[in-house]
Amino acid sequence: MPYHKDKQQAFQAAQQSKNQTEDIYRDFVVDSEDYGHHLKHLKEEINETYQQIENALEVASETQRPQLERFRNDLDKIVKKVDEK
């Protein structure tokens, strides 16, 4: 049972990190005077989220795996949008 708990905890950490990254991205304002600070914070959050997803994928169940892949795809989209700005 501890193994299952580890899977669930890893998945939840990845999900929470993805949600936090999306929240930060939604509040991201390109024309802000604090743009550089906010960009750095967003990039740090993105990197942390990628790491959480990778950690979760190492122990993920078959049902969690597609969701984690969607998380990664969502994150890729955010990175692409930030790079376009």
C-alpha atoms as a PDB file:
ATOM      1  CA  MET A   1       0.000   0.000   0.000  1.00  0.00           C
ATOM      2  CA  PRO A   2       2.800   2.557   0.604  1.00  0.00           C
ATOM      3  CA  TYR A   3       3.764   2.271  -3.086  1.00  0.00           C
ATOM      4  CA  HIS A   4       0.225   3.245  -4.114  1.00  0.00           C
ATOM      5  CA  LYS A   5       0.361   6.157  -1.695  1.00  0.00           C
ATOM      6  CA  ASP A   6       3.647   7.305  -3.256  1.00  0.00           C
ATOM      7  CA  LYS A   7       2.041   7.197  -6.705  1.00  0.00           C
ATOM      8  CA  GLN A   8      -0.885   9.250  -5.510  1.00  0.00           C
ATOM      9  CA  GLN A   9       1.303  11.752  -3.670  1.00  0.00           C
ATOM     10  CA  ALA A  10       3.576  12.185  -6.686  1.00  0.00           C
ATOM     11  CA  PHE A  11       0.574  12.677  -8.966  1.00  0.00           C
ATOM     12  CA  GLN A  12      -1.015  15.205  -6.613  1.00  0.00           C
ATOM     13  CA  ALA A  13       2.253  17.136  -6.307  1.00  0.00           C
ATOM     14  CA  ALA A  14       2.504  17.342 -10.106  1.00  0.00           C
ATOM     15  CA  GLN A  15      -1.134  18.392 -10.396  1.00  0.00           C
ATOM     16  CA  GLN A  16      -0.781  21.052  -7.717  1.00  0.00           C
ATOM     17  CA  SER A  17       2.408  22.392  -9.260  1.00  0.00           C
ATOM     18  CA  LYS A  18       0.746  22.577 -12.694  1.00  0.00           C
ATOM     19  CA  ASN A  19      -2.201  24.475 -11.218  1.00  0.00           C
ATOM     20  CA  GLN A  20       0.132  26.928  -9.478  1.00  0.00           C
ATOM     21  CA  THR A  21       2.028  27.492 -12.725  1.00  0.00           C
ATOM     22  CA  GLU A  22      -1.222  28.158 -14.577  1.00  0.00           C
ATOM     23  CA  ASP A  23      -2.264  30.650 -11.883  1.00  0.00           C
ATOM     24  CA  ILE A  24       1.053  32.478 -12.138  1.00  0.00           C
ATOM     25  CA  TYR A  25       0.800  32.499 -15.936  1.00  0.00           C
ATOM     26  CA  ARG A  26      -2.739  33.919 -15.801  1.00  0.00           C
ATOM     27  CA  ASP A  27      -1.455  36.782 -13.639  1.00  0.00           C
ATOM     28  CA  PHE A  28       1.579  37.336 -15.889  1.00  0.00           C
ATOM     29  CA  VAL A  29       1.536  40.823 -17.421  1.00  0.00           C
ATOM     30  CA  VAL A  30       4.069  41.554 -20.156  1.00  0.00           C
ATOM     31  CA  ASP A  31       3.826  45.333 -19.826  1.00  0.00           C
ATOM     32  CA  SER A  32       4.297  45.300 -16.053  1.00  0.00           C
ATOM     33  CA  GLU A  33       7.186  47.208 -14.522  1.00  0.00           C
ATOM     34  CA  ASP A  34       8.001  44.008 -12.608  1.00  0.00           C
ATOM     35  CA  TYR A  35       8.083  41.979 -15.848  1.00  0.00           C
ATOM     36  CA  GLY A  36      11.591  40.581 -15.277  1.00  0.00           C
ATOM     37  CA  HIS A  37      10.823  39.491 -11.738  1.00  0.00           C
ATOM     38  CA  HIS A  38       7.533  37.876 -12.754  1.00  0.00           C
ATOM     39  CA  LEU A  39       9.154  36.162 -15.745  1.00  0.00           C
ATOM     40  CA  LYS A  40      11.876  34.701 -13.516  1.00  0.00           C
ATOM     41  CA  HIS A  41       9.270  33.460 -11.027  1.00  0.00           C
ATOM     42  CA  LEU A  42       7.185  31.924 -13.825  1.00  0.00           C
ATOM     43  CA  LYS A  43      10.219  30.155 -15.310  1.00  0.00           C
ATOM     44  CA  GLU A  44      11.203  28.769 -11.907  1.00  0.00           C
ATOM     45  CA  GLU A  45       7.664  27.489 -11.399  1.00  0.00           C
ATOM     46  CA  ILE A  46       7.639  25.931 -14.884  1.00  0.00           C
ATOM     47  CA  ASN A  47      10.933  24.129 -14.222  1.00  0.00           C
ATOM     48  CA  GLU A  48       9.675  22.871 -10.873  1.00  0.00           C
ATOM     49  CA  THR A  49       6.466  21.644 -12.482  1.00  0.00           C
ATOM     50  CA  TYR A  50       8.352  19.767 -15.213  1.00  0.00           C
ATOM     51  CA  GLN A  51      10.385  18.083 -12.453  1.00  0.00           C
ATOM     52  CA  GLN A  52       7.249  17.165 -10.479  1.00  0.00           C
ATOM     53  CA  ILE A  53       5.703  15.666 -13.621  1.00  0.00           C
ATOM     54  CA  GLU A  54       8.850  13.655 -14.373  1.00  0.00           C
ATOM     55  CA  ASN A  55       8.970  12.378 -10.786  1.00  0.00           C
ATOM     56  CA  ALA A  56       5.320  11.367 -10.957  1.00  0.00           C
ATOM     57  CA  LEU A  57       5.802   9.617 -14.311  1.00  0.00           C
ATOM     58  CA  GLU A  58       8.462   7.391 -12.737  1.00  0.00           C
ATOM     59  CA  VAL A  59       5.892   5.816 -10.402  1.00  0.00           C
ATOM     60  CA  ALA A  60       2.619   6.568 -12.234  1.00  0.00           C
ATOM     61  CA  SER A  61      -0.158   4.063 -12.711  1.00  0.00           C
ATOM     62  CA  GLU A  62      -1.509   3.446 -16.193  1.00  0.00           C
ATOM     63  CA  THR A  63      -4.482   5.725 -15.496  1.00  0.00           C
ATOM     64  CA  GLN A  64      -2.275   8.539 -14.194  1.00  0.00           C
ATOM     65  CA  ARG A  65       0.171   8.445 -17.095  1.00  0.00           C
ATOM     66  CA  PRO A  66      -2.115  10.050 -19.748  1.00  0.00           C
ATOM     67  CA  GLN A  67      -3.110  12.790 -17.303  1.00  0.00           C
ATOM     68  CA  LEU A  68       0.524  13.555 -16.550  1.00  0.00           C
ATOM     69  CA  GLU A  69       1.251  13.698 -20.273  1.00  0.00           C
ATOM     70  CA  ARG A  70      -1.589  16.243 -20.610  1.00  0.00           C
ATOM     71  CA  PHE A  71      -0.059  18.241 -17.763  1.00  0.00           C
ATOM     72  CA  ARG A  72       3.237  18.277 -19.651  1.00  0.00           C
ATOM     73  CA  ASN A  73       1.501  19.297 -22.885  1.00  0.00           C
ATOM     74  CA  ASP A  74      -0.309  22.115 -21.076  1.00  0.00           C
ATOM     75  CA  LEU A  75       3.016  23.275 -19.675  1.00  0.00           C
ATOM     76  CA  ASP A  76       4.598  23.125 -23.144  1.00  0.00           C
ATOM     77  CA  LYS A  77       1.840  25.438 -24.388  1.00  0.00           C
ATOM     78  CA  ILE A  78       2.530  27.940 -21.614  1.00  0.00           C
ATOM     79  CA  VAL A  79       6.259  27.893 -22.426  1.00  0.00           C
ATOM     80  CA  LYS A  80       5.490  28.470 -26.106  1.00  0.00           C
ATOM     81  CA  LYS A  81       3.189  31.405 -25.319  1.00  0.00           C
ATOM     82  CA  VAL A  82       5.761  32.984 -22.983  1.00  0.00           C
ATOM     83  CA  ASP A  83       8.477  32.583 -25.638  1.00  0.00           C
ATOM     84  CA  GLU A  84       6.244  34.353 -28.180  1.00  0.00           C
ATOM     85  CA  LYS A  85       5.836  37.438 -25.955  1.00  0.00           C
END
